[in-house]
Amino acid sequence: MIVITSNQISEEQVQNIVDEIEKEGLQAHVSRGEDRNVIGLIGSVNPKLAEHLRQMKGVENVIKISKSYKLASRDFHPADTVIDIKGTKIGGGNLVVMGGPCAVESAQQIDEIAQLVKAAGGQVLRGGAFKPRTGPYSFQGVGVEGLIMMAEAGQKHGLLTITEVMTPEYVDICAEYADILQVGTRNMQNFDLLRKLGTCGKPVLLKRGFSATYDEFLNAAEYILAGGNPNVMLCERGIRTFETYTRNTLDLTAIPVLQGLSHLPVISDPSHGTGRRELVEPMSKASVAAGADGLIIEMHTDPDNSMTGDGVQSLFPDQFAALLKDLEQLAPLVGKSFATTKAPASEFVRV
C-alpha cells in the first residue's frame, strides 16, 4: 500500500504519517518527487489504518499495490531512479558502459585493460576476483588480491569498478574495494546474500537468473531495497531456452518491460546474453535502441587465452573502441546521454 501526498506537505506532516505507520509495526519508505511524495507501507495493513491515513492532513490518496514487490515497483517510485557514483550517473537518460575481462588475472593485465576501457570512453571497469564456475576444477579467480589489483587500476585510470560477490561473508571485503557489487545469475535468489547487500551501502547490479520470470527478478531486487539499499540496477543477461547456437537467449523485451514495471536502471549484458563475440556489437546496439541504461561488456587483450575460457564472448580492444564510438552516435537518437573520452585509433592494437 502507498500513501500519496502533495509535495507542498511539510516535513513535520510527513513524519506524523510515518509515525502512525510505524506505530502499527509496519515499515515506511518515503520517496520524494517533483509533483508528489509517496510513502510505501511494508507489511500487512489493517483496513482501519488505511482509512485513518486517508483522513490525515496532507494525504491525497491511499492506494493498495497488488504487486508483491513494493519498493521496486514504479507505483511506489514513479520517477526513474538515478544512481550517482562519484559523479557518474546511472539511469535517468544516461548511458553507461562497463567493460573489462571476465576475471582479473594479474596486475599488469587489469591495468592494461583499464587504460583501454578509459581511452575508449567507458566509465566502469569490470572484472571478477571470485568466479562462480559450473565445474569445480575451472579457474575460480585470484580472490582478494584481484580486488586490490582492480581497485588500483580503476583509481589510476579514473574508472569506477564492479566485481561479483558470491557469499554474504565476502560482501564487506568486496565493498571495501569495489564501487559496485554484482550478483551473478546463479545467486539471484541467494536470499541471505541479498539481505546482506541491503545493508552494505554500495550500489548493486543484480543479474537475472537464467530461468527467472520478471516477477521473480523484481522480488529478488525487493530483498535488497527492503534492507535499506535504494541503489539497485537490474541486469538482463540472457535466459536459457531450447536454442543451442548461442550461450543464452538475450531477452531484449525485458528492457522496456522492466522499465515499465520498475523505476530501477536496466543494464544489458550482451556478452553472456549471446556467448558469441560476433553478436556482442549488434546486440549492444539493439539493447540501447530498446532503452537500456547501460551495458556490461567483456573485453580482453588476448581473449583466446583468457584464464576463464570465456574468451569466445570477449571483444578485442579495437572492437570495443569501435563499438563505443558507434554508441556515441546512437545514444542521442534514442534520448540517451553518453559522455565518452576520445583516443586515437592507433592506441587500440589487437594482440
Protein backbone atom coordinates (compact mmCIF):
# COMPACT_ATOMS: atom_id res chain seq x y z
CA MET A 1 0.00 0.00 0.00
CA ILE A 2 1.18 3.53 -0.70
CA VAL A 3 0.18 6.91 0.71
CA ILE A 4 0.29 9.79 -1.78
CA THR A 5 0.78 13.34 -0.53
CA SER A 6 1.27 16.72 -2.15
CA ASN A 7 4.84 17.97 -2.45
CA GLN A 8 3.65 21.03 -0.51
CA ILE A 9 3.29 18.95 2.65
CA SER A 10 5.66 19.87 5.48
CA GLU A 11 8.36 17.56 6.83
CA GLU A 12 6.50 17.51 10.15
CA GLN A 13 3.33 16.28 8.46
CA VAL A 14 5.27 13.58 6.60
CA GLN A 15 6.81 12.46 9.89
CA ASN A 16 3.38 12.32 11.51
CA ILE A 17 2.22 9.94 8.77
CA VAL A 18 5.36 7.82 9.16
CA ASP A 19 4.85 7.69 12.93
CA GLU A 20 1.28 6.44 12.51
CA ILE A 21 2.50 3.72 10.15
CA GLU A 22 5.34 2.60 12.41
CA LYS A 23 3.05 2.53 15.47
CA GLU A 24 1.29 -0.40 13.76
CA GLY A 25 4.58 -2.30 13.41
CA LEU A 26 4.93 -1.54 9.68
CA GLN A 27 7.88 -0.15 7.73
CA ALA A 28 7.54 3.20 5.99
CA HIS A 29 9.66 4.20 2.98
CA VAL A 30 9.39 7.80 1.77
CA SER A 31 10.00 8.66 -1.89
CA ARG A 32 10.02 12.38 -2.73
CA GLY A 33 9.17 13.50 -6.25
CA GLU A 34 8.71 16.81 -8.03
CA ASP A 35 4.91 16.70 -8.01
CA ARG A 36 4.13 14.43 -5.08
CA ASN A 37 5.54 12.32 -2.28
CA VAL A 38 4.90 8.61 -1.97
CA ILE A 39 5.12 6.74 1.32
CA GLY A 40 5.30 2.99 0.93
CA LEU A 41 3.93 0.69 3.63
CA ILE A 42 5.65 -2.68 4.02
CA GLY A 43 3.66 -5.29 5.92
CA SER A 44 0.05 -6.34 6.43
CA VAL A 45 -2.13 -3.22 6.54
CA ASN A 46 -5.32 -3.10 8.59
CA PRO A 47 -8.19 -1.52 6.61
CA LYS A 48 -8.83 0.80 9.58
CA LEU A 49 -5.27 2.12 9.33
CA ALA A 50 -5.72 2.79 5.62
CA GLU A 51 -8.85 4.82 6.31
CA HIS A 52 -7.15 6.69 9.15
CA LEU A 53 -4.19 7.61 6.92
CA ARG A 54 -6.54 8.75 4.16
CA GLN A 55 -8.03 11.33 6.56
CA MET A 56 -4.70 12.73 7.77
CA LYS A 57 -3.69 16.26 6.80
CA GLY A 58 -1.76 16.46 3.53
CA VAL A 59 -2.77 12.99 2.29
CA GLU A 60 -4.25 12.96 -1.21
CA ASN A 61 -4.89 9.25 -1.57
CA VAL A 62 -4.12 5.78 -0.23
CA ILE A 63 -3.69 3.08 -2.87
CA LYS A 64 -3.24 -0.65 -2.47
CA ILE A 65 -0.39 -2.10 -4.55
CA SER A 66 -1.20 -5.62 -5.64
CA LYS A 67 2.37 -6.41 -6.72
CA SER A 68 4.44 -8.48 -4.30
CA TYR A 69 7.41 -6.18 -4.95
CA LYS A 70 6.50 -2.82 -3.43
CA LEU A 71 9.71 -0.78 -3.31
CA ALA A 72 10.86 -1.91 -6.76
CA SER A 73 7.51 -1.01 -8.28
CA ARG A 74 7.05 2.14 -10.34
CA ASP A 75 3.79 2.66 -8.45
CA PHE A 76 5.87 3.44 -5.37
CA HIS A 77 8.56 5.45 -7.17
CA PRO A 78 7.12 6.99 -10.38
CA ALA A 79 10.35 8.76 -11.40
CA ASP A 80 13.39 6.86 -12.68
CA THR A 81 15.98 6.11 -10.05
CA VAL A 82 19.31 7.76 -10.84
CA ILE A 83 22.34 6.28 -9.08
CA ASP A 84 25.17 8.78 -8.67
CA ILE A 85 28.55 7.15 -8.02
CA LYS A 86 31.37 9.67 -7.69
CA GLY A 87 29.75 11.85 -10.33
CA THR A 88 28.89 9.07 -12.79
CA LYS A 89 25.12 8.86 -13.11
CA ILE A 90 23.35 5.61 -13.99
CA GLY A 91 19.70 5.84 -15.04
CA GLY A 92 17.54 8.81 -15.96
CA GLY A 93 18.61 9.07 -19.60
CA ASN A 94 22.31 8.37 -19.06
CA LEU A 95 24.08 5.58 -20.94
CA VAL A 96 26.92 3.89 -19.03
CA VAL A 97 29.33 1.28 -20.37
CA MET A 98 31.09 -1.20 -18.09
CA GLY A 99 33.96 -3.01 -19.77
CA GLY A 100 36.72 -5.40 -18.87
CA PRO A 101 37.71 -9.04 -18.57
CA CYS A 102 35.66 -11.87 -17.16
CA ALA A 103 38.30 -12.30 -14.46
CA VAL A 104 41.23 -10.39 -13.02
CA GLU A 105 44.31 -12.43 -13.92
CA SER A 106 47.23 -10.18 -12.97
CA ALA A 107 48.02 -6.59 -12.03
CA GLN A 108 49.55 -5.94 -15.45
CA GLN A 109 46.54 -7.43 -17.26
CA ILE A 110 43.89 -5.42 -15.40
CA ASP A 111 45.93 -2.19 -15.58
CA GLU A 112 46.33 -2.52 -19.34
CA ILE A 113 42.64 -3.24 -19.84
CA ALA A 114 41.62 -0.36 -17.55
CA GLN A 115 43.65 2.01 -19.71
CA LEU A 116 41.90 0.71 -22.83
CA VAL A 117 38.43 0.96 -21.28
CA LYS A 118 39.06 4.56 -20.25
CA ALA A 119 40.52 5.55 -23.61
CA ALA A 120 37.56 4.03 -25.46
CA GLY A 121 35.10 6.06 -23.38
CA GLY A 122 33.93 3.52 -20.79
CA GLN A 123 33.07 4.65 -17.30
CA VAL A 124 33.29 1.41 -15.29
CA LEU A 125 35.94 -1.32 -15.15
CA ARG A 126 34.51 -4.81 -14.73
CA GLY A 127 36.41 -7.87 -13.56
CA GLY A 128 35.85 -10.86 -11.34
CA ALA A 129 38.09 -11.61 -8.36
CA PHE A 130 35.91 -14.54 -7.30
CA LYS A 131 34.45 -16.62 -10.13
CA PRO A 132 31.43 -18.94 -9.75
CA ARG A 133 32.11 -21.76 -12.20
CA THR A 134 29.92 -24.65 -13.28
CA GLY A 135 32.82 -27.09 -12.91
CA PRO A 136 34.80 -27.35 -9.63
CA TYR A 137 38.14 -27.67 -11.46
CA SER A 138 37.78 -24.48 -13.53
CA PHE A 139 39.66 -21.27 -12.68
CA GLN A 140 37.96 -19.78 -9.61
CA GLY A 141 39.59 -16.34 -9.58
CA VAL A 142 42.52 -14.85 -7.67
CA GLY A 143 40.50 -13.70 -4.66
CA VAL A 144 41.17 -10.63 -2.53
CA GLU A 145 44.39 -9.90 -4.43
CA GLY A 146 42.27 -9.41 -7.52
CA LEU A 147 40.08 -6.89 -5.70
CA ILE A 148 43.15 -4.86 -4.77
CA MET A 149 44.55 -5.03 -8.32
CA MET A 150 41.30 -3.84 -9.84
CA ALA A 151 40.81 -1.06 -7.28
CA GLU A 152 44.30 0.25 -8.02
CA ALA A 153 43.74 0.09 -11.79
CA GLY A 154 40.39 1.85 -11.50
CA GLN A 155 41.81 4.62 -9.34
CA LYS A 156 44.83 5.07 -11.61
CA HIS A 157 42.73 5.46 -14.77
CA GLY A 158 39.72 7.28 -13.31
CA LEU A 159 37.21 4.43 -13.60
CA LEU A 160 34.57 3.06 -11.28
CA THR A 161 34.89 -0.67 -10.60
CA ILE A 162 32.39 -3.51 -10.45
CA THR A 163 33.04 -7.05 -9.23
CA GLU A 164 30.93 -10.08 -8.40
CA VAL A 165 30.27 -11.07 -4.79
CA MET A 166 29.27 -14.69 -4.20
CA THR A 167 28.57 -15.11 -0.48
CA PRO A 168 27.40 -12.90 2.41
CA GLU A 169 30.79 -13.37 4.08
CA TYR A 170 32.58 -11.62 1.21
CA VAL A 171 30.26 -8.61 0.92
CA ASP A 172 32.23 -6.40 3.32
CA ILE A 173 35.63 -7.05 1.72
CA CYS A 174 34.24 -6.56 -1.81
CA ALA A 175 32.50 -3.35 -0.72
CA GLU A 176 35.80 -2.08 0.69
CA TYR A 177 37.49 -2.21 -2.73
CA ALA A 178 34.75 -2.05 -5.41
CA ASP A 179 32.31 0.76 -6.28
CA ILE A 180 29.54 -1.60 -7.47
CA LEU A 181 28.81 -5.13 -6.29
CA GLN A 182 27.45 -7.62 -8.82
CA VAL A 183 25.14 -10.53 -8.08
CA GLY A 184 25.51 -13.27 -10.67
CA THR A 185 22.69 -15.23 -12.27
CA ARG A 186 23.27 -18.26 -10.03
CA ASN A 187 22.85 -16.11 -6.92
CA MET A 188 19.76 -14.11 -7.91
CA GLN A 189 17.75 -15.98 -5.28
CA ASN A 190 20.50 -16.34 -2.70
CA PHE A 191 18.36 -14.53 -0.17
CA ASP A 192 20.99 -14.40 2.59
CA LEU A 193 23.32 -12.64 0.15
CA LEU A 194 20.58 -10.25 -0.99
CA ARG A 195 19.73 -9.32 2.60
CA LYS A 196 23.38 -8.60 3.34
CA LEU A 197 23.64 -6.42 0.23
CA GLY A 198 20.67 -4.44 1.51
CA THR A 199 22.86 -3.17 4.35
CA CYS A 200 26.24 -2.82 2.57
CA GLY A 201 25.90 0.80 1.46
CA LYS A 202 27.22 0.13 -2.06
CA PRO A 203 25.27 0.09 -5.37
CA VAL A 204 24.31 -3.40 -6.54
CA LEU A 205 23.95 -4.79 -10.06
CA LEU A 206 21.56 -7.73 -9.86
CA LYS A 207 21.67 -10.18 -12.76
CA ARG A 208 18.54 -12.01 -13.79
CA GLY A 209 18.51 -15.74 -13.13
CA PHE A 210 18.72 -17.69 -16.37
CA SER A 211 15.26 -19.20 -15.73
CA ALA A 212 13.72 -16.33 -13.75
CA THR A 213 10.46 -14.58 -14.58
CA TYR A 214 10.20 -10.79 -14.39
CA ASP A 215 8.20 -11.14 -11.19
CA GLU A 216 10.86 -13.33 -9.57
CA PHE A 217 13.57 -10.94 -10.72
CA LEU A 218 11.89 -7.89 -9.22
CA ASN A 219 11.14 -9.72 -5.98
CA ALA A 220 14.86 -10.52 -5.71
CA ALA A 221 15.59 -6.80 -6.08
CA GLU A 222 12.99 -6.15 -3.39
CA TYR A 223 15.12 -8.00 -0.84
CA ILE A 224 17.96 -5.53 -1.36
CA LEU A 225 15.68 -2.49 -1.35
CA ALA A 226 13.84 -3.66 1.76
CA GLY A 227 17.20 -3.90 3.53
CA GLY A 228 17.66 -0.17 3.08
CA ASN A 229 19.79 -0.02 -0.07
CA PRO A 230 18.00 2.03 -2.79
CA ASN A 231 20.83 1.79 -5.34
CA VAL A 232 19.96 -1.32 -7.33
CA MET A 233 20.44 -1.95 -11.06
CA LEU A 234 18.68 -4.75 -12.91
CA CYS A 235 20.77 -6.66 -15.46
CA GLU A 236 19.31 -8.69 -18.32
CA ARG A 237 21.97 -11.27 -19.16
CA GLY A 238 20.07 -13.79 -21.22
CA ILE A 239 17.82 -16.69 -20.36
CA ARG A 240 18.05 -20.41 -21.05
CA THR A 241 15.90 -21.56 -23.97
CA PHE A 242 15.88 -24.52 -26.38
CA GLU A 243 18.34 -22.75 -28.72
CA THR A 244 21.92 -24.07 -28.55
CA TYR A 245 23.63 -21.85 -31.15
CA THR A 246 24.02 -19.07 -28.58
CA ARG A 247 25.05 -19.46 -24.95
CA ASN A 248 21.77 -17.86 -23.84
CA THR A 249 18.89 -16.01 -25.46
CA LEU A 250 19.20 -12.28 -24.76
CA ASP A 251 15.69 -11.14 -23.84
CA LEU A 252 15.52 -7.60 -25.22
CA THR A 253 11.84 -7.48 -24.31
CA ALA A 254 12.95 -7.42 -20.67
CA ILE A 255 14.37 -3.92 -21.04
CA PRO A 256 11.14 -1.99 -21.74
CA VAL A 257 9.09 -4.41 -19.62
CA LEU A 258 11.26 -3.90 -16.54
CA GLN A 259 11.37 -0.15 -17.12
CA GLY A 260 7.57 -0.13 -17.20
CA LEU A 261 7.22 -2.20 -14.05
CA SER A 262 10.07 -0.66 -12.08
CA HIS A 263 11.96 2.59 -11.60
CA LEU A 264 15.35 0.88 -11.32
CA PRO A 265 18.02 1.30 -14.05
CA VAL A 266 18.24 -1.61 -16.50
CA ILE A 267 21.62 -2.81 -17.78
CA SER A 268 22.11 -5.27 -20.65
CA ASP A 269 24.84 -7.92 -20.82
CA PRO A 270 25.24 -8.91 -24.49
CA SER A 271 28.40 -10.92 -23.73
CA HIS A 272 26.71 -13.54 -21.54
CA GLY A 273 23.44 -12.97 -23.36
CA THR A 274 24.87 -14.41 -26.57
CA GLY A 275 28.20 -16.06 -25.73
CA ARG A 276 29.47 -15.18 -29.20
CA ARG A 277 31.88 -12.33 -29.96
CA GLU A 278 30.34 -11.50 -33.33
CA LEU A 279 26.93 -10.96 -31.73
CA VAL A 280 28.02 -8.61 -28.96
CA GLU A 281 28.14 -5.49 -31.15
CA PRO A 282 24.67 -5.84 -32.77
CA MET A 283 23.03 -6.87 -29.51
CA SER A 284 24.68 -3.96 -27.68
CA LYS A 285 23.19 -1.54 -30.19
CA ALA A 286 19.83 -3.31 -30.07
CA SER A 287 19.86 -3.05 -26.27
CA VAL A 288 20.49 0.70 -26.40
CA ALA A 289 17.76 1.09 -29.02
CA ALA A 290 15.41 -0.82 -26.69
CA GLY A 291 16.15 1.71 -23.94
CA ALA A 292 18.89 0.12 -21.82
CA ASP A 293 20.51 2.45 -19.29
CA GLY A 294 23.86 0.77 -19.70
CA LEU A 295 25.89 -2.16 -21.00
CA ILE A 296 28.31 -4.54 -19.30
CA ILE A 297 30.68 -5.95 -21.91
CA GLU A 298 33.56 -8.39 -21.71
CA MET A 299 36.80 -7.15 -23.29
CA HIS A 300 40.23 -8.79 -23.13
CA THR A 301 43.58 -8.07 -24.77
CA ASP A 302 44.07 -11.78 -25.54
CA PRO A 303 40.62 -13.37 -25.22
CA ASP A 304 41.57 -16.64 -26.88
CA ASN A 305 43.96 -17.32 -24.00
CA SER A 306 41.90 -15.96 -21.09
CA MET A 307 42.10 -17.99 -17.89
CA THR A 308 38.33 -18.41 -17.65
CA GLY A 309 37.86 -19.93 -21.07
CA ASP A 310 35.11 -17.39 -21.86
CA GLY A 311 37.23 -15.62 -24.47
CA VAL A 312 34.85 -16.56 -27.26
CA GLN A 313 32.42 -13.91 -25.98
CA SER A 314 35.04 -11.22 -25.21
CA LEU A 315 35.71 -8.36 -27.60
CA PHE A 316 39.19 -7.38 -28.69
CA PRO A 317 40.19 -3.83 -27.64
CA ASP A 318 39.77 -2.42 -31.15
CA GLN A 319 36.26 -3.92 -31.39
CA PHE A 320 35.37 -2.45 -28.01
CA ALA A 321 36.61 1.00 -29.05
CA ALA A 322 34.75 0.89 -32.36
CA LEU A 323 31.54 -0.15 -30.61
CA LEU A 324 31.70 2.73 -28.13
CA LYS A 325 32.32 5.14 -30.99
CA ASP A 326 29.13 3.89 -32.66
CA LEU A 327 27.21 4.09 -29.38
CA GLU A 328 28.22 7.73 -29.04
CA GLN A 329 26.31 8.42 -32.25
CA LEU A 330 23.41 6.10 -31.44
CA ALA A 331 22.72 7.30 -27.91
CA PRO A 332 21.25 10.75 -28.78
CA LEU A 333 18.91 9.16 -31.33
CA VAL A 334 17.18 7.21 -28.55
CA GLY A 335 17.24 10.01 -25.99
CA LYS A 336 20.36 8.93 -24.13
CA SER A 337 23.33 10.99 -23.00
CA PHE A 338 26.68 9.25 -23.42
CA ALA A 339 29.85 11.12 -22.43
CA THR A 340 32.97 9.45 -23.82
CA THR A 341 36.66 10.23 -23.82
CA LYS A 342 38.37 10.14 -27.17
CA ALA A 343 41.61 8.34 -28.00
CA PRO A 344 43.38 7.81 -31.32
CA ALA A 345 42.50 4.54 -33.07
CA SER A 346 46.22 3.66 -33.14
CA GLU A 347 46.11 3.09 -29.39
CA PHE A 348 43.92 0.03 -29.82
CA VAL A 349 46.11 -2.75 -31.13
CA ARG A 350 44.79 -6.29 -31.34
CA VAL A 351 47.04 -8.92 -29.75
